[in-house]
């Protein structure tokens, strides 16, 4: 099904000079960003504001989620220089708030947890004033991997549920590695709950996509589940299909519908909730962090 984007998705035409500068910086440091790899619609806005979401553990994912544009297949060896290169980029961009995510690496025993921890520790050690948010995979439910990340003490740990439980088999199918099952809704909820039990000072965050065929009542049920897991911050945005080979959009929610969802989220007790067509879990994260801390 072909979808014409509604008028509320219209954005400023990117400055090619700025794009070349940002891309040149990241390429020179051998860094990946989810902004580029996931075809994020907010890429230019973030680059213009001197922000980006760094993606560690390479740029090839071992999962086969049908909504995601990130490359899938057999990953390359870990780059031990990633933490140092991210530090250099954060300094160059003058960031006060750094967001770090990763591809899922089910081929690694710890799922890449040590690389997350090394990156957080390197940034905190050299730039103690910089706040750090990490967006982590589920680590196949391994508690010891989660503990490694928690002990590195990022200010925020996010883990996206992505969609409602009913749609998991369609949207988050079997992983590419035979020994790894597909993403599991309850396992992801438990991961968010475990973070708070390990360190209650860490702000937890999750995000879901709308427009894939879910019902409003199902979105509200996910919100309630997240609050039961003591999740602090919620982001809900419109799913946009990266290509004809990915899942198609079933429906475009209006800005008014997103505003209603945001009101419901706040009523349920989230410290911060951002719901809108272009909202993504790492978009304007610094403002979300500030709002959660104030709350």
C-alpha atoms as a PDB file:
ATOM      1  CA  UNK A   1       0.000   0.000   0.000  1.00  0.00           C
ATOM      2  CA  UNK A   2       1.356   3.392  -0.996  1.00  0.00           C
ATOM      3  CA  UNK A   3       1.249   6.125   1.622  1.00  0.00           C
ATOM      4  CA  UNK A   4       1.430   9.849   0.991  1.00  0.00           C
ATOM      5  CA  UNK A   5       2.844  11.579   4.060  1.00  0.00           C
ATOM      6  CA  UNK A   6       0.396  13.962   5.753  1.00  0.00           C
ATOM      7  CA  UNK A   7       1.279  17.659   5.803  1.00  0.00           C
ATOM      8  CA  UNK A   8       2.480  17.560   9.410  1.00  0.00           C
ATOM      9  CA  UNK A   9       5.563  15.599   8.319  1.00  0.00           C
ATOM     10  CA  UNK A  10       6.859  18.393   6.075  1.00  0.00           C
ATOM     11  CA  UNK A  11      10.299  19.564   7.194  1.00  0.00           C
ATOM     12  CA  UNK A  12      13.040  22.030   6.338  1.00  0.00           C
ATOM     13  CA  UNK A  13      15.179  21.225   3.293  1.00  0.00           C
ATOM     14  CA  UNK A  14      18.574  19.990   4.592  1.00  0.00           C
ATOM     15  CA  UNK A  15      21.731  22.014   4.104  1.00  0.00           C
ATOM     16  CA  UNK A  16      24.062  19.722   2.089  1.00  0.00           C
ATOM     17  CA  UNK A  17      27.163  21.446   3.478  1.00  0.00           C
ATOM     18  CA  UNK A  18      26.161  20.689   7.064  1.00  0.00           C
ATOM     19  CA  UNK A  19      25.316  17.091   6.173  1.00  0.00           C
ATOM     20  CA  UNK A  20      28.734  16.615   4.576  1.00  0.00           C
ATOM     21  CA  UNK A  21      30.448  18.077   7.641  1.00  0.00           C
ATOM     22  CA  UNK A  22      28.628  15.790  10.051  1.00  0.00           C
ATOM     23  CA  UNK A  23      29.062  12.713   7.890  1.00  0.00           C
ATOM     24  CA  UNK A  24      32.726  13.565   7.419  1.00  0.00           C
ATOM     25  CA  UNK A  25      33.242  13.778  11.182  1.00  0.00           C
ATOM     26  CA  UNK A  26      31.588  10.430  11.835  1.00  0.00           C
ATOM     27  CA  UNK A  27      33.396   8.681   8.982  1.00  0.00           C
ATOM     28  CA  UNK A  28      36.772  10.062  10.107  1.00  0.00           C
ATOM     29  CA  UNK A  29      36.153   8.549  13.548  1.00  0.00           C
ATOM     30  CA  UNK A  30      34.743   5.255  12.167  1.00  0.00           C
ATOM     31  CA  UNK A  31      31.470   5.916  13.985  1.00  0.00           C
ATOM     32  CA  UNK A  32      27.944   4.860  13.116  1.00  0.00           C
ATOM     33  CA  UNK A  33      24.790   6.745  14.036  1.00  0.00           C
ATOM     34  CA  UNK A  34      21.294   5.355  14.268  1.00  0.00           C
ATOM     35  CA  UNK A  35      20.225   8.626  12.630  1.00  0.00           C
ATOM     36  CA  UNK A  36      21.762   7.421   9.367  1.00  0.00           C
ATOM     37  CA  UNK A  37      21.436   3.643   9.737  1.00  0.00           C
ATOM     38  CA  UNK A  38      17.740   3.716  10.658  1.00  0.00           C
ATOM     39  CA  UNK A  39      16.849   6.442   8.112  1.00  0.00           C
ATOM     40  CA  UNK A  40      15.530   8.658  10.894  1.00  0.00           C
ATOM     41  CA  UNK A  41      13.297  11.495   9.630  1.00  0.00           C
ATOM     42  CA  UNK A  42      14.788  13.819  12.264  1.00  0.00           C
ATOM     43  CA  UNK A  43      18.379  13.400  11.065  1.00  0.00           C
ATOM     44  CA  UNK A  44      18.853  16.917   9.730  1.00  0.00           C
ATOM     45  CA  UNK A  45      17.172  18.576  12.710  1.00  0.00           C
ATOM     46  CA  UNK A  46      19.468  16.708  15.090  1.00  0.00           C
ATOM     47  CA  UNK A  47      22.602  17.356  13.043  1.00  0.00           C
ATOM     48  CA  UNK A  48      21.675  21.052  12.874  1.00  0.00           C
ATOM     49  CA  UNK A  49      21.433  21.149  16.675  1.00  0.00           C
ATOM     50  CA  UNK A  50      24.842  19.445  16.976  1.00  0.00           C
ATOM     51  CA  UNK A  51      23.354  16.217  18.304  1.00  0.00           C
ATOM     52  CA  UNK A  52      23.357  12.613  17.110  1.00  0.00           C
ATOM     53  CA  UNK A  53      22.606   9.167  18.491  1.00  0.00           C
ATOM     54  CA  UNK A  54      25.760   7.082  18.319  1.00  0.00           C
ATOM     55  CA  UNK A  55      25.393   3.395  17.446  1.00  0.00           C
ATOM     56  CA  UNK A  56      28.068   1.089  18.837  1.00  0.00           C
ATOM     57  CA  UNK A  57      28.881  -2.608  18.240  1.00  0.00           C
ATOM     58  CA  UNK A  58      29.135  -2.040  14.499  1.00  0.00           C
ATOM     59  CA  UNK A  59      26.306  -1.452  12.035  1.00  0.00           C
ATOM     60  CA  UNK A  60      25.023  -4.998  11.374  1.00  0.00           C
ATOM     61  CA  UNK A  61      22.257  -6.446  13.559  1.00  0.00           C
ATOM     62  CA  UNK A  62      21.667 -10.130  14.318  1.00  0.00           C
ATOM     63  CA  UNK A  63      17.886  -9.644  14.602  1.00  0.00           C
ATOM     64  CA  UNK A  64      15.425  -9.411  11.711  1.00  0.00           C
ATOM     65  CA  UNK A  65      12.849  -6.853  12.848  1.00  0.00           C
ATOM     66  CA  UNK A  66      10.676  -5.977   9.865  1.00  0.00           C
ATOM     67  CA  UNK A  67      10.297  -2.286  10.723  1.00  0.00           C
ATOM     68  CA  UNK A  68      13.989  -1.445  10.981  1.00  0.00           C
ATOM     69  CA  UNK A  69      16.320  -0.176   8.236  1.00  0.00           C
ATOM     70  CA  UNK A  70      19.536  -1.118  10.072  1.00  0.00           C
ATOM     71  CA  UNK A  71      21.579  -3.700   8.144  1.00  0.00           C
ATOM     72  CA  UNK A  72      21.070  -7.333   9.106  1.00  0.00           C
ATOM     73  CA  UNK A  73      23.419 -10.273   8.796  1.00  0.00           C
ATOM     74  CA  UNK A  74      26.682 -11.523  10.237  1.00  0.00           C
ATOM     75  CA  UNK A  75      28.386  -8.756  12.246  1.00  0.00           C
ATOM     76  CA  UNK A  76      32.053  -7.838  12.004  1.00  0.00           C
ATOM     77  CA  UNK A  77      34.522  -7.957  14.884  1.00  0.00           C
ATOM     78  CA  UNK A  78      34.107  -5.379  17.626  1.00  0.00           C
ATOM     79  CA  UNK A  79      36.018  -2.138  17.201  1.00  0.00           C
ATOM     80  CA  UNK A  80      37.907  -1.568  20.464  1.00  0.00           C
ATOM     81  CA  UNK A  81      38.358   2.072  19.466  1.00  0.00           C
ATOM     82  CA  UNK A  82      34.628   2.898  19.621  1.00  0.00           C
ATOM     83  CA  UNK A  83      34.634   4.324  23.185  1.00  0.00           C
ATOM     84  CA  UNK A  84      37.598   6.605  22.439  1.00  0.00           C
ATOM     85  CA  UNK A  85      36.117   7.714  19.109  1.00  0.00           C
ATOM     86  CA  UNK A  86      32.759   8.526  20.676  1.00  0.00           C
ATOM     87  CA  UNK A  87      34.596  10.593  23.292  1.00  0.00           C
ATOM     88  CA  UNK A  88      36.296  12.523  20.475  1.00  0.00           C
ATOM     89  CA  UNK A  89      32.957  13.141  18.719  1.00  0.00           C
ATOM     90  CA  UNK A  90      31.254  14.291  21.924  1.00  0.00           C
ATOM     91  CA  UNK A  91      34.093  16.765  22.507  1.00  0.00           C
ATOM     92  CA  UNK A  92      34.004  17.989  18.903  1.00  0.00           C
ATOM     93  CA  UNK A  93      30.236  18.538  18.970  1.00  0.00           C
ATOM     94  CA  UNK A  94      30.321  20.078  22.441  1.00  0.00           C
ATOM     95  CA  UNK A  95      27.590  17.766  23.717  1.00  0.00           C
ATOM     96  CA  UNK A  96      26.255  18.072  27.249  1.00  0.00           C
ATOM     97  CA  UNK A  97      24.025  15.036  26.769  1.00  0.00           C
ATOM     98  CA  UNK A  98      25.171  11.973  24.825  1.00  0.00           C
ATOM     99  CA  UNK A  99      22.865   9.216  23.572  1.00  0.00           C
ATOM    100  CA  UNK A 100      24.343   5.824  22.735  1.00  0.00           C
ATOM    101  CA  UNK A 101      22.496   2.868  21.257  1.00  0.00           C
ATOM    102  CA  UNK A 102      23.641  -0.291  19.463  1.00  0.00           C
ATOM    103  CA  UNK A 103      22.733  -2.998  17.062  1.00  0.00           C
ATOM    104  CA  UNK A 104      21.683  -6.237  18.733  1.00  0.00           C
ATOM    105  CA  UNK A 105      24.654  -8.600  18.981  1.00  0.00           C
ATOM    106  CA  UNK A 106      23.308 -12.027  19.888  1.00  0.00           C
ATOM    107  CA  UNK A 107      26.607 -13.481  18.646  1.00  0.00           C
ATOM    108  CA  UNK A 108      28.444 -12.025  21.659  1.00  0.00           C
ATOM    109  CA  UNK A 109      28.344 -13.797  25.021  1.00  0.00           C
ATOM    110  CA  UNK A 110      27.513 -10.580  26.871  1.00  0.00           C
ATOM    111  CA  UNK A 111      25.486  -9.069  24.026  1.00  0.00           C
ATOM    112  CA  UNK A 112      27.896  -6.151  23.894  1.00  0.00           C
ATOM    113  CA  UNK A 113      27.317  -5.065  27.500  1.00  0.00           C
ATOM    114  CA  UNK A 114      31.032  -4.524  28.194  1.00  0.00           C
ATOM    115  CA  UNK A 115      31.328  -2.207  25.185  1.00  0.00           C
ATOM    116  CA  UNK A 116      28.426  -0.148  26.505  1.00  0.00           C
ATOM    117  CA  UNK A 117      30.068   0.032  29.941  1.00  0.00           C
ATOM    118  CA  UNK A 118      33.487   0.974  28.555  1.00  0.00           C
ATOM    119  CA  UNK A 119      31.923   3.766  26.508  1.00  0.00           C
ATOM    120  CA  UNK A 120      29.983   5.170  29.472  1.00  0.00           C
ATOM    121  CA  UNK A 121      33.015   4.970  31.752  1.00  0.00           C
ATOM    122  CA  UNK A 122      35.266   6.661  29.194  1.00  0.00           C
ATOM    123  CA  UNK A 123      32.850   9.554  28.777  1.00  0.00           C
ATOM    124  CA  UNK A 124      32.189   9.981  32.488  1.00  0.00           C
ATOM    125  CA  UNK A 125      35.898   9.748  33.253  1.00  0.00           C
ATOM    126  CA  UNK A 126      36.886  12.506  30.818  1.00  0.00           C
ATOM    127  CA  UNK A 127      33.693  14.577  30.685  1.00  0.00           C
ATOM    128  CA  UNK A 128      31.987  14.225  34.075  1.00  0.00           C
ATOM    129  CA  UNK A 129      29.599  17.071  33.253  1.00  0.00           C
ATOM    130  CA  UNK A 130      28.103  15.163  30.304  1.00  0.00           C
ATOM    131  CA  UNK A 131      24.941  13.184  31.018  1.00  0.00           C
ATOM    132  CA  UNK A 132      24.677   9.828  29.262  1.00  0.00           C
ATOM    133  CA  UNK A 133      21.666   7.930  27.977  1.00  0.00           C
ATOM    134  CA  UNK A 134      22.037   4.396  26.649  1.00  0.00           C
ATOM    135  CA  UNK A 135      19.406   2.560  24.609  1.00  0.00           C
ATOM    136  CA  UNK A 136      20.124  -1.131  25.075  1.00  0.00           C
ATOM    137  CA  UNK A 137      19.012  -4.427  23.486  1.00  0.00           C
ATOM    138  CA  UNK A 138      17.424  -7.152  25.616  1.00  0.00           C
ATOM    139  CA  UNK A 139      20.705  -9.111  26.083  1.00  0.00           C
ATOM    140  CA  UNK A 140      18.554 -12.268  25.672  1.00  0.00           C
ATOM    141  CA  UNK A 141      17.412 -11.716  29.244  1.00  0.00           C
ATOM    142  CA  UNK A 142      20.893 -12.240  30.743  1.00  0.00           C
ATOM    143  CA  UNK A 143      20.928 -10.530  34.116  1.00  0.00           C
ATOM    144  CA  UNK A 144      24.728 -10.436  34.290  1.00  0.00           C
ATOM    145  CA  UNK A 145      24.901  -8.437  31.048  1.00  0.00           C
ATOM    146  CA  UNK A 146      22.363  -5.940  32.306  1.00  0.00           C
ATOM    147  CA  UNK A 147      24.300  -5.578  35.562  1.00  0.00           C
ATOM    148  CA  UNK A 148      27.439  -4.630  33.626  1.00  0.00           C
ATOM    149  CA  UNK A 149      25.615  -1.712  31.999  1.00  0.00           C
ATOM    150  CA  UNK A 150      23.851  -0.621  35.194  1.00  0.00           C
ATOM    151  CA  UNK A 151      27.112  -0.601  37.182  1.00  0.00           C
ATOM    152  CA  UNK A 152      28.663   1.789  34.649  1.00  0.00           C
ATOM    153  CA  UNK A 153      26.010   4.260  35.884  1.00  0.00           C
ATOM    154  CA  UNK A 154      24.586   6.053  32.862  1.00  0.00           C
ATOM    155  CA  UNK A 155      21.990   8.601  33.901  1.00  0.00           C
ATOM    156  CA  UNK A 156      19.312   7.021  31.682  1.00  0.00           C
ATOM    157  CA  UNK A 157      18.811   3.477  30.415  1.00  0.00           C
ATOM    158  CA  UNK A 158      16.272   2.961  27.680  1.00  0.00           C
ATOM    159  CA  UNK A 159      14.879  -0.183  26.132  1.00  0.00           C
ATOM    160  CA  UNK A 160      12.113   0.044  23.532  1.00  0.00           C
ATOM    161  CA  UNK A 161       9.125  -2.285  23.547  1.00  0.00           C
ATOM    162  CA  UNK A 162       8.495  -1.048  19.975  1.00  0.00           C
ATOM    163  CA  UNK A 163       4.917  -2.334  19.633  1.00  0.00           C
ATOM    164  CA  UNK A 164       2.005  -4.075  21.342  1.00  0.00           C
ATOM    165  CA  UNK A 165       2.256  -7.783  22.313  1.00  0.00           C
ATOM    166  CA  UNK A 166      -0.189  -8.963  19.628  1.00  0.00           C
ATOM    167  CA  UNK A 167       2.023  -7.657  16.831  1.00  0.00           C
ATOM    168  CA  UNK A 168       5.342  -9.073  18.069  1.00  0.00           C
ATOM    169  CA  UNK A 169       5.265 -12.202  15.839  1.00  0.00           C
ATOM    170  CA  UNK A 170       4.703 -10.008  12.760  1.00  0.00           C
ATOM    171  CA  UNK A 171       7.014  -7.101  13.578  1.00  0.00           C
ATOM    172  CA  UNK A 172       9.787  -8.754  15.572  1.00  0.00           C
ATOM    173  CA  UNK A 173      10.244 -12.216  13.991  1.00  0.00           C
ATOM    174  CA  UNK A 174      12.767 -14.981  14.620  1.00  0.00           C
ATOM    175  CA  UNK A 175      16.370 -13.846  15.005  1.00  0.00           C
ATOM    176  CA  UNK A 176      18.935 -14.783  12.353  1.00  0.00           C
ATOM    177  CA  UNK A 177      20.935 -16.944  14.771  1.00  0.00           C
ATOM    178  CA  UNK A 178      19.257 -20.361  15.235  1.00  0.00           C
ATOM    179  CA  UNK A 179      20.014 -20.415  18.966  1.00  0.00           C
ATOM    180  CA  UNK A 180      18.249 -17.098  19.607  1.00  0.00           C
ATOM    181  CA  UNK A 181      14.490 -16.701  19.897  1.00  0.00           C
ATOM    182  CA  UNK A 182      12.561 -13.666  18.754  1.00  0.00           C
ATOM    183  CA  UNK A 183      12.131 -10.562  20.890  1.00  0.00           C
ATOM    184  CA  UNK A 184       9.878 -11.204  23.854  1.00  0.00           C
ATOM    185  CA  UNK A 185       7.498  -8.589  25.261  1.00  0.00           C
ATOM    186  CA  UNK A 186       7.537  -9.878  28.842  1.00  0.00           C
ATOM    187  CA  UNK A 187      11.320 -10.291  28.818  1.00  0.00           C
ATOM    188  CA  UNK A 188      11.700  -6.655  27.773  1.00  0.00           C
ATOM    189  CA  UNK A 189       9.328  -5.499  30.499  1.00  0.00           C
ATOM    190  CA  UNK A 190      11.275  -7.511  33.053  1.00  0.00           C
ATOM    191  CA  UNK A 191      14.526  -5.930  31.870  1.00  0.00           C
ATOM    192  CA  UNK A 192      13.147  -2.446  32.559  1.00  0.00           C
ATOM    193  CA  UNK A 193      11.918  -3.557  35.964  1.00  0.00           C
ATOM    194  CA  UNK A 194      15.287  -5.124  36.827  1.00  0.00           C
ATOM    195  CA  UNK A 195      17.141  -1.866  36.117  1.00  0.00           C
ATOM    196  CA  UNK A 196      15.205  -0.111  38.875  1.00  0.00           C
ATOM    197  CA  UNK A 197      15.837  -2.970  41.296  1.00  0.00           C
ATOM    198  CA  UNK A 198      19.574  -2.819  40.590  1.00  0.00           C
ATOM    199  CA  UNK A 199      19.851   0.979  40.832  1.00  0.00           C
ATOM    200  CA  UNK A 200      16.761   3.041  41.558  1.00  0.00           C
ATOM    201  CA  UNK A 201      18.592   6.302  40.792  1.00  0.00           C
ATOM    202  CA  UNK A 202      18.771   5.481  37.069  1.00  0.00           C
ATOM    203  CA  UNK A 203      15.957   6.891  34.946  1.00  0.00           C
ATOM    204  CA  UNK A 204      14.336   4.236  32.746  1.00  0.00           C
ATOM    205  CA  UNK A 205      12.785   4.885  29.378  1.00  0.00           C
ATOM    206  CA  UNK A 206      10.914   3.051  26.630  1.00  0.00           C
ATOM    207  CA  UNK A 207       9.368   3.784  23.273  1.00  0.00           C
ATOM    208  CA  UNK A 208       6.738   2.339  20.960  1.00  0.00           C
ATOM    209  CA  UNK A 209       5.678   2.962  17.365  1.00  0.00           C
ATOM    210  CA  UNK A 210       2.118   3.716  16.314  1.00  0.00           C
ATOM    211  CA  UNK A 211       0.449   3.044  12.988  1.00  0.00           C
ATOM    212  CA  UNK A 212       1.245  -0.636  12.519  1.00  0.00           C
ATOM    213  CA  UNK A 213      -2.280  -1.886  13.123  1.00  0.00           C
ATOM    214  CA  UNK A 214      -2.475  -1.646  16.912  1.00  0.00           C
ATOM    215  CA  UNK A 215      -5.628  -0.482  18.712  1.00  0.00           C
ATOM    216  CA  UNK A 216      -5.675   2.490  21.077  1.00  0.00           C
ATOM    217  CA  UNK A 217      -6.664   0.187  23.932  1.00  0.00           C
ATOM    218  CA  UNK A 218      -3.565  -1.922  23.244  1.00  0.00           C
ATOM    219  CA  UNK A 219      -1.310   1.147  23.422  1.00  0.00           C
ATOM    220  CA  UNK A 220      -2.853   2.101  26.758  1.00  0.00           C
ATOM    221  CA  UNK A 221      -2.322  -1.455  28.029  1.00  0.00           C
ATOM    222  CA  UNK A 222       1.382  -1.175  27.100  1.00  0.00           C
ATOM    223  CA  UNK A 223       1.568   2.120  28.989  1.00  0.00           C
ATOM    224  CA  UNK A 224       0.077   0.437  32.050  1.00  0.00           C
ATOM    225  CA  UNK A 225       2.536  -2.442  31.790  1.00  0.00           C
ATOM    226  CA  UNK A 226       5.440   0.025  31.600  1.00  0.00           C
ATOM    227  CA  UNK A 227       4.246   1.857  34.682  1.00  0.00           C
ATOM    228  CA  UNK A 228       3.970  -1.479  36.482  1.00  0.00           C
ATOM    229  CA  UNK A 229       7.641  -1.988  35.559  1.00  0.00           C
ATOM    230  CA  UNK A 230       8.377   1.445  37.108  1.00  0.00           C
ATOM    231  CA  UNK A 231       9.362   2.967  33.751  1.00  0.00           C
ATOM    232  CA  UNK A 232       9.887   6.728  34.087  1.00  0.00           C
ATOM    233  CA  UNK A 233       9.860   8.097  30.532  1.00  0.00           C
ATOM    234  CA  UNK A 234       7.770   7.181  27.485  1.00  0.00           C
ATOM    235  CA  UNK A 235       8.108   8.094  23.800  1.00  0.00           C
ATOM    236  CA  UNK A 236       5.455   7.275  21.197  1.00  0.00           C
ATOM    237  CA  UNK A 237       5.946   8.180  17.541  1.00  0.00           C
ATOM    238  CA  UNK A 238       4.525   7.403  14.125  1.00  0.00           C
ATOM    239  CA  UNK A 239       5.989   4.409  12.313  1.00  0.00           C
ATOM    240  CA  UNK A 240       7.346   5.349   8.881  1.00  0.00           C
ATOM    241  CA  UNK A 241       8.284   2.560   6.493  1.00  0.00           C
ATOM    242  CA  UNK A 242      11.981   2.829   5.523  1.00  0.00           C
ATOM    243  CA  UNK A 243      11.431   1.137   2.142  1.00  0.00           C
ATOM    244  CA  UNK A 244       9.074  -0.998   0.076  1.00  0.00           C
ATOM    245  CA  UNK A 245      10.768  -4.058   1.596  1.00  0.00           C
ATOM    246  CA  UNK A 246       9.688  -3.160   5.121  1.00  0.00           C
ATOM    247  CA  UNK A 247       6.292  -3.256   6.792  1.00  0.00           C
ATOM    248  CA  UNK A 248       3.867  -0.723   5.381  1.00  0.00           C
ATOM    249  CA  UNK A 249       2.101   1.921   7.443  1.00  0.00           C
ATOM    250  CA  UNK A 250      -1.432   0.884   8.330  1.00  0.00           C
ATOM    251  CA  UNK A 251      -2.554   4.303   9.547  1.00  0.00           C
ATOM    252  CA  UNK A 252      -1.208   7.779  10.224  1.00  0.00           C
ATOM    253  CA  UNK A 253      -2.279   9.041  13.623  1.00  0.00           C
ATOM    254  CA  UNK A 254      -3.110  12.743  13.777  1.00  0.00           C
ATOM    255  CA  UNK A 255      -1.250  15.183  16.064  1.00  0.00           C
ATOM    256  CA  UNK A 256      -4.452  15.414  18.126  1.00  0.00           C
ATOM    257  CA  UNK A 257      -4.450  11.649  18.681  1.00  0.00           C
ATOM    258  CA  UNK A 258      -0.831  11.744  19.804  1.00  0.00           C
ATOM    259  CA  UNK A 259      -1.630  14.598  22.178  1.00  0.00           C
ATOM    260  CA  UNK A 260      -4.396  12.505  23.698  1.00  0.00           C
ATOM    261  CA  UNK A 261      -1.994   9.593  24.201  1.00  0.00           C
ATOM    262  CA  UNK A 262       0.464  11.947  25.882  1.00  0.00           C
ATOM    263  CA  UNK A 263      -2.215  13.145  28.290  1.00  0.00           C
ATOM    264  CA  UNK A 264      -3.092   9.540  29.143  1.00  0.00           C
ATOM    265  CA  UNK A 265       0.586   8.720  29.738  1.00  0.00           C
ATOM    266  CA  UNK A 266       1.030  11.643  32.103  1.00  0.00           C
ATOM    267  CA  UNK A 267      -2.150  10.683  33.950  1.00  0.00           C
ATOM    268  CA  UNK A 268      -0.758   7.182  34.410  1.00  0.00           C
ATOM    269  CA  UNK A 269       2.254   8.641  36.210  1.00  0.00           C
ATOM    270  CA  UNK A 270       5.123   8.785  33.706  1.00  0.00           C
ATOM    271  CA  UNK A 271       7.605  11.439  34.803  1.00  0.00           C
ATOM    272  CA  UNK A 272       7.979  12.495  31.185  1.00  0.00           C
ATOM    273  CA  UNK A 273       6.001  11.555  28.084  1.00  0.00           C
ATOM    274  CA  UNK A 274       6.556  12.662  24.488  1.00  0.00           C
ATOM    275  CA  UNK A 275       3.997  11.585  21.898  1.00  0.00           C
ATOM    276  CA  UNK A 276       3.897  12.946  18.358  1.00  0.00           C
ATOM    277  CA  UNK A 277       4.299  12.023  14.687  1.00  0.00           C
ATOM    278  CA  UNK A 278       8.074  12.631  14.630  1.00  0.00           C
ATOM    279  CA  UNK A 279       8.831  11.552  18.196  1.00  0.00           C
ATOM    280  CA  UNK A 280      11.583   8.946  18.511  1.00  0.00           C
ATOM    281  CA  UNK A 281      13.041   7.486  21.700  1.00  0.00           C
ATOM    282  CA  UNK A 282      16.293   9.421  21.337  1.00  0.00           C
ATOM    283  CA  UNK A 283      14.826  12.620  19.831  1.00  0.00           C
ATOM    284  CA  UNK A 284      15.214  15.653  22.157  1.00  0.00           C
ATOM    285  CA  UNK A 285      16.372  13.246  24.863  1.00  0.00           C
ATOM    286  CA  UNK A 286      18.096  15.973  26.855  1.00  0.00           C
ATOM    287  CA  UNK A 287      14.808  17.816  27.346  1.00  0.00           C
ATOM    288  CA  UNK A 288      13.120  14.553  28.352  1.00  0.00           C
ATOM    289  CA  UNK A 289      15.830  13.890  30.910  1.00  0.00           C
ATOM    290  CA  UNK A 290      15.491  17.370  32.373  1.00  0.00           C
ATOM    291  CA  UNK A 291      11.727  16.972  32.624  1.00  0.00           C
ATOM    292  CA  UNK A 292      12.038  13.605  34.360  1.00  0.00           C
ATOM    293  CA  UNK A 293      14.570  14.953  36.870  1.00  0.00           C
ATOM    294  CA  UNK A 294      12.378  17.949  37.690  1.00  0.00           C
ATOM    295  CA  UNK A 295       9.356  15.666  38.164  1.00  0.00           C
END
